[in-house]
Amino acid sequence: MACIDELSPEVLLRGASFAESRAAVEKRCHEVYYVDPGYAIFDTHIIGVPPIAVGVEDTFLLLPYTKPCYGTYLIRVAGGEEIERLRRKGRSGRRP
């Protein structure tokens, strides 16, 4: 997958900073993983200021996504197998 738009993302925040995106994921999700810039989800590399928080909400992933010339968005997409891969590779920051 080369374009995140093919996943029909739900946009939760527009024009958000990386810190705002991280705070929103941490507040909304009980299961949060921290990844480094360059981590690939759906073969798309995430950019941002570490730590980059990626949340699991039921069967969905919440993650920041930056579009050149458009800014950073916090999006929600169907997670599928990427959730299991994230659980194996990401640094957990699960809340109780």
PDB file of N, CA and C in Angstrom:
ATOM      1  N   MET A   1       0.849  -1.165   0.000  1.00  0.00           N
ATOM      2  CA  MET A   1       0.000   0.000   0.000  1.00  0.00           C
ATOM      3  C   MET A   1       0.896   1.230   0.000  1.00  0.00           C
ATOM      4  N   ALA A   2       0.732   2.080  -0.967  1.00  0.00           N
ATOM      5  CA  ALA A   2       1.573   3.261  -1.065  1.00  0.00           C
ATOM      6  C   ALA A   2       0.872   4.514  -0.561  1.00  0.00           C
ATOM      7  N   CYS A   3      -0.452   4.492  -0.484  1.00  0.00           N
ATOM      8  CA  CYS A   3      -1.186   5.701  -0.113  1.00  0.00           C
ATOM      9  C   CYS A   3      -2.163   5.393   1.018  1.00  0.00           C
ATOM     10  N   ILE A   4      -2.045   6.124   2.092  1.00  0.00           N
ATOM     11  CA  ILE A   4      -2.913   5.916   3.253  1.00  0.00           C
ATOM     12  C   ILE A   4      -4.372   6.188   2.905  1.00  0.00           C
ATOM     13  N   ASP A   5      -4.623   7.021   1.891  1.00  0.00           N
ATOM     14  CA  ASP A   5      -5.997   7.329   1.488  1.00  0.00           C
ATOM     15  C   ASP A   5      -6.743   6.078   1.019  1.00  0.00           C
ATOM     16  N   GLU A   6      -6.027   5.067   0.574  1.00  0.00           N
ATOM     17  CA  GLU A   6      -6.659   3.825   0.137  1.00  0.00           C
ATOM     18  C   GLU A   6      -7.301   3.072   1.297  1.00  0.00           C
ATOM     19  N   LEU A   7      -6.948   3.445   2.541  1.00  0.00           N
ATOM     20  CA  LEU A   7      -7.499   2.799   3.728  1.00  0.00           C
ATOM     21  C   LEU A   7      -8.766   3.485   4.229  1.00  0.00           C
ATOM     22  N   SER A   8      -9.233   4.510   3.533  1.00  0.00           N
ATOM     23  CA  SER A   8     -10.412   5.282   3.926  1.00  0.00           C
ATOM     24  C   SER A   8     -10.317   5.746   5.381  1.00  0.00           C
ATOM     25  N   PRO A   9      -9.308   6.555   5.693  1.00  0.00           N
ATOM     26  CA  PRO A   9      -9.123   6.972   7.084  1.00  0.00           C
ATOM     27  C   PRO A   9     -10.231   7.904   7.565  1.00  0.00           C
ATOM     28  N   GLU A  10     -10.549   7.780   8.835  1.00  0.00           N
ATOM     29  CA  GLU A  10     -11.428   8.735   9.503  1.00  0.00           C
ATOM     30  C   GLU A  10     -10.495   9.766  10.139  1.00  0.00           C
ATOM     31  N   VAL A  11     -10.669  11.016   9.818  1.00  0.00           N
ATOM     32  CA  VAL A  11      -9.814  12.067  10.352  1.00  0.00           C
ATOM     33  C   VAL A  11     -10.395  12.523  11.693  1.00  0.00           C
ATOM     34  N   LEU A  12      -9.588  12.380  12.746  1.00  0.00           N
ATOM     35  CA  LEU A  12     -10.014  12.775  14.087  1.00  0.00           C
ATOM     36  C   LEU A  12      -9.544  14.182  14.441  1.00  0.00           C
ATOM     37  N   LEU A  13      -8.347  14.561  13.980  1.00  0.00           N
ATOM     38  CA  LEU A  13      -7.793  15.903  14.197  1.00  0.00           C
ATOM     39  C   LEU A  13      -7.137  16.366  12.907  1.00  0.00           C
ATOM     40  N   ARG A  14      -7.316  17.618  12.575  1.00  0.00           N
ATOM     41  CA  ARG A  14      -6.651  18.217  11.406  1.00  0.00           C
ATOM     42  C   ARG A  14      -5.690  19.289  11.883  1.00  0.00           C
ATOM     43  N   GLY A  15      -4.554  19.370  11.220  1.00  0.00           N
ATOM     44  CA  GLY A  15      -3.587  20.419  11.551  1.00  0.00           C
ATOM     45  C   GLY A  15      -3.043  20.298  12.963  1.00  0.00           C
ATOM     46  N   ALA A  16      -2.968  19.084  13.447  1.00  0.00           N
ATOM     47  CA  ALA A  16      -2.509  18.842  14.820  1.00  0.00           C
ATOM     48  C   ALA A  16      -0.989  18.817  14.878  1.00  0.00           C
ATOM     49  N   SER A  17      -0.462  19.180  16.019  1.00  0.00           N
ATOM     50  CA  SER A  17       0.975  19.013  16.230  1.00  0.00           C
ATOM     51  C   SER A  17       1.230  17.559  16.604  1.00  0.00           C
ATOM     52  N   PHE A  18       2.495  17.160  16.587  1.00  0.00           N
ATOM     53  CA  PHE A  18       2.816  15.787  16.995  1.00  0.00           C
ATOM     54  C   PHE A  18       2.464  15.580  18.466  1.00  0.00           C
ATOM     55  N   ALA A  19       2.695  16.587  19.295  1.00  0.00           N
ATOM     56  CA  ALA A  19       2.370  16.484  20.719  1.00  0.00           C
ATOM     57  C   ALA A  19       0.860  16.369  20.928  1.00  0.00           C
ATOM     58  N   GLU A  20       0.080  17.126  20.169  1.00  0.00           N
ATOM     59  CA  GLU A  20      -1.385  17.038  20.280  1.00  0.00           C
ATOM     60  C   GLU A  20      -1.888  15.668  19.848  1.00  0.00           C
ATOM     61  N   SER A  21      -1.302  15.135  18.791  1.00  0.00           N
ATOM     62  CA  SER A  21      -1.692  13.803  18.324  1.00  0.00           C
ATOM     63  C   SER A  21      -1.369  12.748  19.370  1.00  0.00           C
ATOM     64  N   ARG A  22      -0.168  12.825  19.936  1.00  0.00           N
ATOM     65  CA  ARG A  22       0.252  11.875  20.968  1.00  0.00           C
ATOM     66  C   ARG A  22      -0.696  11.932  22.172  1.00  0.00           C
ATOM     67  N   ALA A  23      -1.016  13.152  22.623  1.00  0.00           N
ATOM     68  CA  ALA A  23      -1.906  13.319  23.778  1.00  0.00           C
ATOM     69  C   ALA A  23      -3.297  12.762  23.492  1.00  0.00           C
ATOM     70  N   ALA A  24      -3.805  12.973  22.288  1.00  0.00           N
ATOM     71  CA  ALA A  24      -5.133  12.467  21.932  1.00  0.00           C
ATOM     72  C   ALA A  24      -5.160  10.943  21.913  1.00  0.00           C
ATOM     73  N   VAL A  25      -4.109  10.323  21.373  1.00  0.00           N
ATOM     74  CA  VAL A  25      -4.032   8.860  21.353  1.00  0.00           C
ATOM     75  C   VAL A  25      -3.961   8.335  22.779  1.00  0.00           C
ATOM     76  N   GLU A  26      -3.128   8.938  23.598  1.00  0.00           N
ATOM     77  CA  GLU A  26      -2.971   8.483  24.982  1.00  0.00           C
ATOM     78  C   GLU A  26      -4.268   8.637  25.779  1.00  0.00           C
ATOM     79  N   LYS A  27      -5.020   9.676  25.502  1.00  0.00           N
ATOM     80  CA  LYS A  27      -6.271   9.912  26.219  1.00  0.00           C
ATOM     81  C   LYS A  27      -7.376   8.968  25.746  1.00  0.00           C
ATOM     82  N   ARG A  28      -7.417   8.693  24.459  1.00  0.00           N
ATOM     83  CA  ARG A  28      -8.525   7.938  23.876  1.00  0.00           C
ATOM     84  C   ARG A  28      -8.351   6.423  23.941  1.00  0.00           C
ATOM     85  N   CYS A  29      -7.113   5.949  23.871  1.00  0.00           N
ATOM     86  CA  CYS A  29      -6.857   4.513  23.739  1.00  0.00           C
ATOM     87  C   CYS A  29      -6.315   3.907  25.024  1.00  0.00           C
ATOM     88  N   HIS A  30      -6.794   2.737  25.355  1.00  0.00           N
ATOM     89  CA  HIS A  30      -6.279   2.004  26.516  1.00  0.00           C
ATOM     90  C   HIS A  30      -5.020   1.222  26.160  1.00  0.00           C
ATOM     91  N   GLU A  31      -4.813   1.015  24.881  1.00  0.00           N
ATOM     92  CA  GLU A  31      -3.645   0.266  24.405  1.00  0.00           C
ATOM     93  C   GLU A  31      -2.852   1.185  23.480  1.00  0.00           C
ATOM     94  N   VAL A  32      -1.672   1.615  23.946  1.00  0.00           N
ATOM     95  CA  VAL A  32      -0.855   2.572  23.200  1.00  0.00           C
ATOM     96  C   VAL A  32       0.539   1.984  23.018  1.00  0.00           C
ATOM     97  N   TYR A  33       1.076   2.124  21.817  1.00  0.00           N
ATOM     98  CA  TYR A  33       2.434   1.678  21.503  1.00  0.00           C
ATOM     99  C   TYR A  33       3.207   2.875  20.987  1.00  0.00           C
ATOM    100  N   TYR A  34       4.508   2.874  21.274  1.00  0.00           N
ATOM    101  CA  TYR A  34       5.370   3.978  20.857  1.00  0.00           C
ATOM    102  C   TYR A  34       6.352   3.452  19.822  1.00  0.00           C
ATOM    103  N   VAL A  35       6.390   4.133  18.695  1.00  0.00           N
ATOM    104  CA  VAL A  35       7.262   3.714  17.601  1.00  0.00           C
ATOM    105  C   VAL A  35       8.193   4.863  17.238  1.00  0.00           C
ATOM    106  N   ASP A  36       9.265   4.514  16.586  1.00  0.00           N
ATOM    107  CA  ASP A  36      10.223   5.513  16.133  1.00  0.00           C
ATOM    108  C   ASP A  36       9.817   6.049  14.764  1.00  0.00           C
ATOM    109  N   PRO A  37      10.246   7.269  14.446  1.00  0.00           N
ATOM    110  CA  PRO A  37      10.011   7.777  13.093  1.00  0.00           C
ATOM    111  C   PRO A  37      10.562   6.786  12.076  1.00  0.00           C
ATOM    112  N   GLY A  38       9.822   6.593  11.003  1.00  0.00           N
ATOM    113  CA  GLY A  38      10.219   5.639   9.971  1.00  0.00           C
ATOM    114  C   GLY A  38       9.531   4.291  10.107  1.00  0.00           C
ATOM    115  N   TYR A  39       8.880   4.046  11.251  1.00  0.00           N
ATOM    116  CA  TYR A  39       8.148   2.788  11.433  1.00  0.00           C
ATOM    117  C   TYR A  39       7.068   2.708  10.356  1.00  0.00           C
ATOM    118  N   ALA A  40       6.932   1.564   9.720  1.00  0.00           N
ATOM    119  CA  ALA A  40       5.976   1.408   8.623  1.00  0.00           C
ATOM    120  C   ALA A  40       4.701   0.723   9.091  1.00  0.00           C
ATOM    121  N   ILE A  41       3.594   1.345   8.775  1.00  0.00           N
ATOM    122  CA  ILE A  41       2.272   0.754   8.986  1.00  0.00           C
ATOM    123  C   ILE A  41       1.616   0.730   7.621  1.00  0.00           C
ATOM    124  N   PHE A  42       1.164  -0.460   7.207  1.00  0.00           N
ATOM    125  CA  PHE A  42       0.588  -0.640   5.866  1.00  0.00           C
ATOM    126  C   PHE A  42       1.579  -0.179   4.797  1.00  0.00           C
ATOM    127  N   ASP A  43       2.854  -0.441   5.022  1.00  0.00           N
ATOM    128  CA  ASP A  43       3.925  -0.074   4.095  1.00  0.00           C
ATOM    129  C   ASP A  43       4.066   1.437   3.893  1.00  0.00           C
ATOM    130  N   THR A  44       3.522   2.207   4.803  1.00  0.00           N
ATOM    131  CA  THR A  44       3.659   3.660   4.774  1.00  0.00           C
ATOM    132  C   THR A  44       4.457   4.071   6.003  1.00  0.00           C
ATOM    133  N   HIS A  45       5.539   4.793   5.802  1.00  0.00           N
ATOM    134  CA  HIS A  45       6.411   5.186   6.902  1.00  0.00           C
ATOM    135  C   HIS A  45       5.851   6.403   7.635  1.00  0.00           C
ATOM    136  N   ILE A  46       5.817   6.290   8.952  1.00  0.00           N
ATOM    137  CA  ILE A  46       5.325   7.378   9.793  1.00  0.00           C
ATOM    138  C   ILE A  46       6.476   8.332  10.077  1.00  0.00           C
ATOM    139  N   ILE A  47       6.188   9.625   9.977  1.00  0.00           N
ATOM    140  CA  ILE A  47       7.187  10.615  10.351  1.00  0.00           C
ATOM    141  C   ILE A  47       6.654  11.393  11.544  1.00  0.00           C
ATOM    142  N   GLY A  48       7.563  11.956  12.304  1.00  0.00           N
ATOM    143  CA  GLY A  48       7.134  12.742  13.448  1.00  0.00           C
ATOM    144  C   GLY A  48       8.223  12.869  14.480  1.00  0.00           C
ATOM    145  N   VAL A  49       7.860  13.517  15.568  1.00  0.00           N
ATOM    146  CA  VAL A  49       8.770  13.727  16.681  1.00  0.00           C
ATOM    147  C   VAL A  49       8.529  12.610  17.693  1.00  0.00           C
ATOM    148  N   PRO A  50       9.582  11.848  18.006  1.00  0.00           N
ATOM    149  CA  PRO A  50       9.383  10.742  18.940  1.00  0.00           C
ATOM    150  C   PRO A  50       9.117  11.242  20.363  1.00  0.00           C
ATOM    151  N   PRO A  51       8.406  10.456  21.162  1.00  0.00           N
ATOM    152  CA  PRO A  51       7.841   9.161  20.816  1.00  0.00           C
ATOM    153  C   PRO A  51       6.536   9.334  20.046  1.00  0.00           C
ATOM    154  N   ILE A  52       6.357   8.539  19.004  1.00  0.00           N
ATOM    155  CA  ILE A  52       5.138   8.584  18.205  1.00  0.00           C
ATOM    156  C   ILE A  52       4.176   7.542  18.782  1.00  0.00           C
ATOM    157  N   ALA A  53       3.041   8.009  19.269  1.00  0.00           N
ATOM    158  CA  ALA A  53       2.046   7.124  19.875  1.00  0.00           C
ATOM    159  C   ALA A  53       1.098   6.603  18.801  1.00  0.00           C
ATOM    160  N   VAL A  54       0.921   5.282  18.801  1.00  0.00           N
ATOM    161  CA  VAL A  54      -0.048   4.618  17.932  1.00  0.00           C
ATOM    162  C   VAL A  54      -0.980   3.850  18.859  1.00  0.00           C
ATOM    163  N   GLY A  55      -2.273   4.109  18.741  1.00  0.00           N
ATOM    164  CA  GLY A  55      -3.232   3.481  19.637  1.00  0.00           C
ATOM    165  C   GLY A  55      -4.052   2.411  18.965  1.00  0.00           C
ATOM    166  N   VAL A  56      -4.490   1.456  19.777  1.00  0.00           N
ATOM    167  CA  VAL A  56      -5.402   0.412  19.321  1.00  0.00           C
ATOM    168  C   VAL A  56      -6.735   0.670  19.999  1.00  0.00           C
ATOM    169  N   GLU A  57      -7.779   0.775  19.190  1.00  0.00           N
ATOM    170  CA  GLU A  57      -9.137   0.987  19.674  1.00  0.00           C
ATOM    171  C   GLU A  57     -10.016  -0.047  18.987  1.00  0.00           C
ATOM    172  N   ASP A  58     -10.347  -1.100  19.716  1.00  0.00           N
ATOM    173  CA  ASP A  58     -11.083  -2.233  19.156  1.00  0.00           C
ATOM    174  C   ASP A  58     -10.288  -2.814  17.986  1.00  0.00           C
ATOM    175  N   THR A  59     -10.807  -2.734  16.776  1.00  0.00           N
ATOM    176  CA  THR A  59     -10.112  -3.276  15.604  1.00  0.00           C
ATOM    177  C   THR A  59      -9.498  -2.164  14.750  1.00  0.00           C
ATOM    178  N   PHE A  60      -9.344  -0.987  15.343  1.00  0.00           N
ATOM    179  CA  PHE A  60      -8.823   0.167  14.615  1.00  0.00           C
ATOM    180  C   PHE A  60      -7.496   0.633  15.183  1.00  0.00           C
ATOM    181  N   LEU A  61      -6.710   1.286  14.337  1.00  0.00           N
ATOM    182  CA  LEU A  61      -5.472   1.944  14.740  1.00  0.00           C
ATOM    183  C   LEU A  61      -5.684   3.450  14.685  1.00  0.00           C
ATOM    184  N   LEU A  62      -5.157   4.154  15.673  1.00  0.00           N
ATOM    185  CA  LEU A  62      -5.128   5.611  15.657  1.00  0.00           C
ATOM    186  C   LEU A  62      -3.672   6.010  15.535  1.00  0.00           C
ATOM    187  N   LEU A  63      -3.366   6.849  14.565  1.00  0.00           N
ATOM    188  CA  LEU A  63      -1.981   7.239  14.351  1.00  0.00           C
ATOM    189  C   LEU A  63      -1.894   8.603  13.695  1.00  0.00           C
ATOM    190  N   PRO A  64      -0.794   9.299  13.953  1.00  0.00           N
ATOM    191  CA  PRO A  64      -0.593  10.566  13.256  1.00  0.00           C
ATOM    192  C   PRO A  64      -0.106  10.282  11.838  1.00  0.00           C
ATOM    193  N   TYR A  65      -0.558  11.101  10.924  1.00  0.00           N
ATOM    194  CA  TYR A  65      -0.111  10.959   9.548  1.00  0.00           C
ATOM    195  C   TYR A  65       0.118  12.352   8.985  1.00  0.00           C
ATOM    196  N   THR A  66       1.293  12.562   8.430  1.00  0.00           N
ATOM    197  CA  THR A  66       1.642  13.865   7.872  1.00  0.00           C
ATOM    198  C   THR A  66       1.603  13.800   6.357  1.00  0.00           C
ATOM    199  N   LYS A  67       0.824  14.701   5.765  1.00  0.00           N
ATOM    200  CA  LYS A  67       0.764  14.835   4.312  1.00  0.00           C
ATOM    201  C   LYS A  67       1.560  16.076   3.947  1.00  0.00           C
ATOM    202  N   PRO A  68       2.561  15.931   3.086  1.00  0.00           N
ATOM    203  CA  PRO A  68       3.328  17.112   2.680  1.00  0.00           C
ATOM    204  C   PRO A  68       2.391  18.214   2.163  1.00  0.00           C
ATOM    205  N   CYS A  69       2.644  19.406   2.573  1.00  0.00           N
ATOM    206  CA  CYS A  69       1.886  20.604   2.202  1.00  0.00           C
ATOM    207  C   CYS A  69       0.519  20.699   2.874  1.00  0.00           C
ATOM    208  N   TYR A  70       0.089  19.664   3.604  1.00  0.00           N
ATOM    209  CA  TYR A  70      -1.221  19.697   4.248  1.00  0.00           C
ATOM    210  C   TYR A  70      -1.139  19.641   5.766  1.00  0.00           C
ATOM    211  N   GLY A  71      -0.033  19.151   6.303  1.00  0.00           N
ATOM    212  CA  GLY A  71       0.135  19.089   7.745  1.00  0.00           C
ATOM    213  C   GLY A  71      -0.133  17.707   8.319  1.00  0.00           C
ATOM    214  N   THR A  72      -0.260  17.680   9.636  1.00  0.00           N
ATOM    215  CA  THR A  72      -0.417  16.417  10.345  1.00  0.00           C
ATOM    216  C   THR A  72      -1.866  16.211  10.750  1.00  0.00           C
ATOM    217  N   TYR A  73      -2.311  14.989  10.576  1.00  0.00           N
ATOM    218  CA  TYR A  73      -3.659  14.569  10.931  1.00  0.00           C
ATOM    219  C   TYR A  73      -3.564  13.420  11.925  1.00  0.00           C
ATOM    220  N   LEU A  74      -4.526  13.302  12.795  1.00  0.00           N
ATOM    221  CA  LEU A  74      -4.676  12.088  13.583  1.00  0.00           C
ATOM    222  C   LEU A  74      -5.785  11.317  12.897  1.00  0.00           C
ATOM    223  N   ILE A  75      -5.455  10.091  12.463  1.00  0.00           N
ATOM    224  CA  ILE A  75      -6.422   9.305  11.709  1.00  0.00           C
ATOM    225  C   ILE A  75      -6.744   8.002  12.427  1.00  0.00           C
ATOM    226  N   ARG A  76      -7.885   7.433  12.056  1.00  0.00           N
ATOM    227  CA  ARG A  76      -8.348   6.140  12.565  1.00  0.00           C
ATOM    228  C   ARG A  76      -8.609   5.267  11.345  1.00  0.00           C
ATOM    229  N   VAL A  77      -7.943   4.112  11.302  1.00  0.00           N
ATOM    230  CA  VAL A  77      -8.098   3.187  10.174  1.00  0.00           C
ATOM    231  C   VAL A  77      -8.287   1.770  10.700  1.00  0.00           C
ATOM    232  N   ALA A  78      -8.936   0.934   9.894  1.00  0.00           N
ATOM    233  CA  ALA A  78      -9.080  -0.473  10.250  1.00  0.00           C
ATOM    234  C   ALA A  78      -7.687  -1.071  10.377  1.00  0.00           C
ATOM    235  N   GLY A  79      -7.444  -1.771  11.483  1.00  0.00           N
ATOM    236  CA  GLY A  79      -6.099  -2.244  11.795  1.00  0.00           C
ATOM    237  C   GLY A  79      -5.694  -3.553  11.162  1.00  0.00           C
ATOM    238  N   GLY A  80      -6.618  -4.507  11.090  1.00  0.00           N
ATOM    239  CA  GLY A  80      -6.289  -5.807  10.524  1.00  0.00           C
ATOM    240  C   GLY A  80      -5.047  -6.422  11.144  1.00  0.00           C
ATOM    241  N   GLU A  81      -4.217  -7.016  10.305  1.00  0.00           N
ATOM    242  CA  GLU A  81      -3.001  -7.688  10.761  1.00  0.00           C
ATOM    243  C   GLU A  81      -1.959  -6.717  11.313  1.00  0.00           C
ATOM    244  N   GLU A  82      -2.075  -5.446  10.983  1.00  0.00           N
ATOM    245  CA  GLU A  82      -1.112  -4.461  11.486  1.00  0.00           C
ATOM    246  C   GLU A  82      -1.170  -4.338  13.007  1.00  0.00           C
ATOM    247  N   ILE A  83      -2.320  -4.615  13.601  1.00  0.00           N
ATOM    248  CA  ILE A  83      -2.417  -4.536  15.064  1.00  0.00           C
ATOM    249  C   ILE A  83      -1.529  -5.593  15.699  1.00  0.00           C
ATOM    250  N   GLU A  84      -1.575  -6.805  15.196  1.00  0.00           N
ATOM    251  CA  GLU A  84      -0.733  -7.870  15.752  1.00  0.00           C
ATOM    252  C   GLU A  84       0.746  -7.585  15.537  1.00  0.00           C
ATOM    253  N   ARG A  85       1.093  -7.057  14.376  1.00  0.00           N
ATOM    254  CA  ARG A  85       2.491  -6.713  14.103  1.00  0.00           C
ATOM    255  C   ARG A  85       2.956  -5.604  15.044  1.00  0.00           C
ATOM    256  N   LEU A  86       2.096  -4.627  15.287  1.00  0.00           N
ATOM    257  CA  LEU A  86       2.424  -3.545  16.211  1.00  0.00           C
ATOM    258  C   LEU A  86       2.624  -4.093  17.618  1.00  0.00           C
ATOM    259  N   ARG A  87       1.780  -5.010  18.024  1.00  0.00           N
ATOM    260  CA  ARG A  87       1.912  -5.602  19.361  1.00  0.00           C
ATOM    261  C   ARG A  87       3.231  -6.344  19.510  1.00  0.00           C
ATOM    262  N   ARG A  88       3.720  -6.942  18.435  1.00  0.00           N
ATOM    263  CA  ARG A  88       5.001  -7.660  18.484  1.00  0.00           C
ATOM    264  C   ARG A  88       6.188  -6.715  18.437  1.00  0.00           C
ATOM    265  N   LYS A  89       6.097  -5.633  17.693  1.00  0.00           N
ATOM    266  CA  LYS A  89       7.259  -4.774  17.421  1.00  0.00           C
ATOM    267  C   LYS A  89       7.307  -3.482  18.228  1.00  0.00           C
ATOM    268  N   GLY A  90       6.161  -2.923  18.605  1.00  0.00           N
ATOM    269  CA  GLY A  90       6.129  -1.617  19.268  1.00  0.00           C
ATOM    270  C   GLY A  90       6.492  -1.698  20.735  1.00  0.00           C
ATOM    271  N   ARG A  91       6.830  -0.561  21.308  1.00  0.00           N
ATOM    272  CA  ARG A  91       7.081  -0.461  22.745  1.00  0.00           C
ATOM    273  C   ARG A  91       5.764  -0.131  23.417  1.00  0.00           C
ATOM    274  N   SER A  92       5.301  -1.025  24.246  1.00  0.00           N
ATOM    275  CA  SER A  92       3.993  -0.874  24.865  1.00  0.00           C
ATOM    276  C   SER A  92       3.994   0.213  25.913  1.00  0.00           C
ATOM    277  N   GLY A  93       2.913   0.920  25.956  1.00  0.00           N
ATOM    278  CA  GLY A  93       2.691   1.898  27.001  1.00  0.00           C
ATOM    279  C   GLY A  93       1.257   1.731  27.476  1.00  0.00           C
ATOM    280  N   ARG A  94       0.827   0.495  27.633  1.00  0.00           N
ATOM    281  CA  ARG A  94      -0.563   0.212  27.970  1.00  0.00           C
ATOM    282  C   ARG A  94      -0.955   0.858  29.283  1.00  0.00           C
ATOM    283  N   ARG A  95      -2.146   1.433  29.274  1.00  0.00           N
ATOM    284  CA  ARG A  95      -2.687   1.986  30.504  1.00  0.00           C
ATOM    285  C   ARG A  95      -3.451   0.899  31.224  1.00  0.00           C
ATOM    286  N   PRO A  96      -3.539   0.960  32.560  1.00  0.00           N
ATOM    287  CA  PRO A  96      -4.290  -0.053  33.304  1.00  0.00           C
ATOM    288  C   PRO A  96      -5.779   0.028  33.019  1.00  0.00           C
TER     289      PRO A  96
END
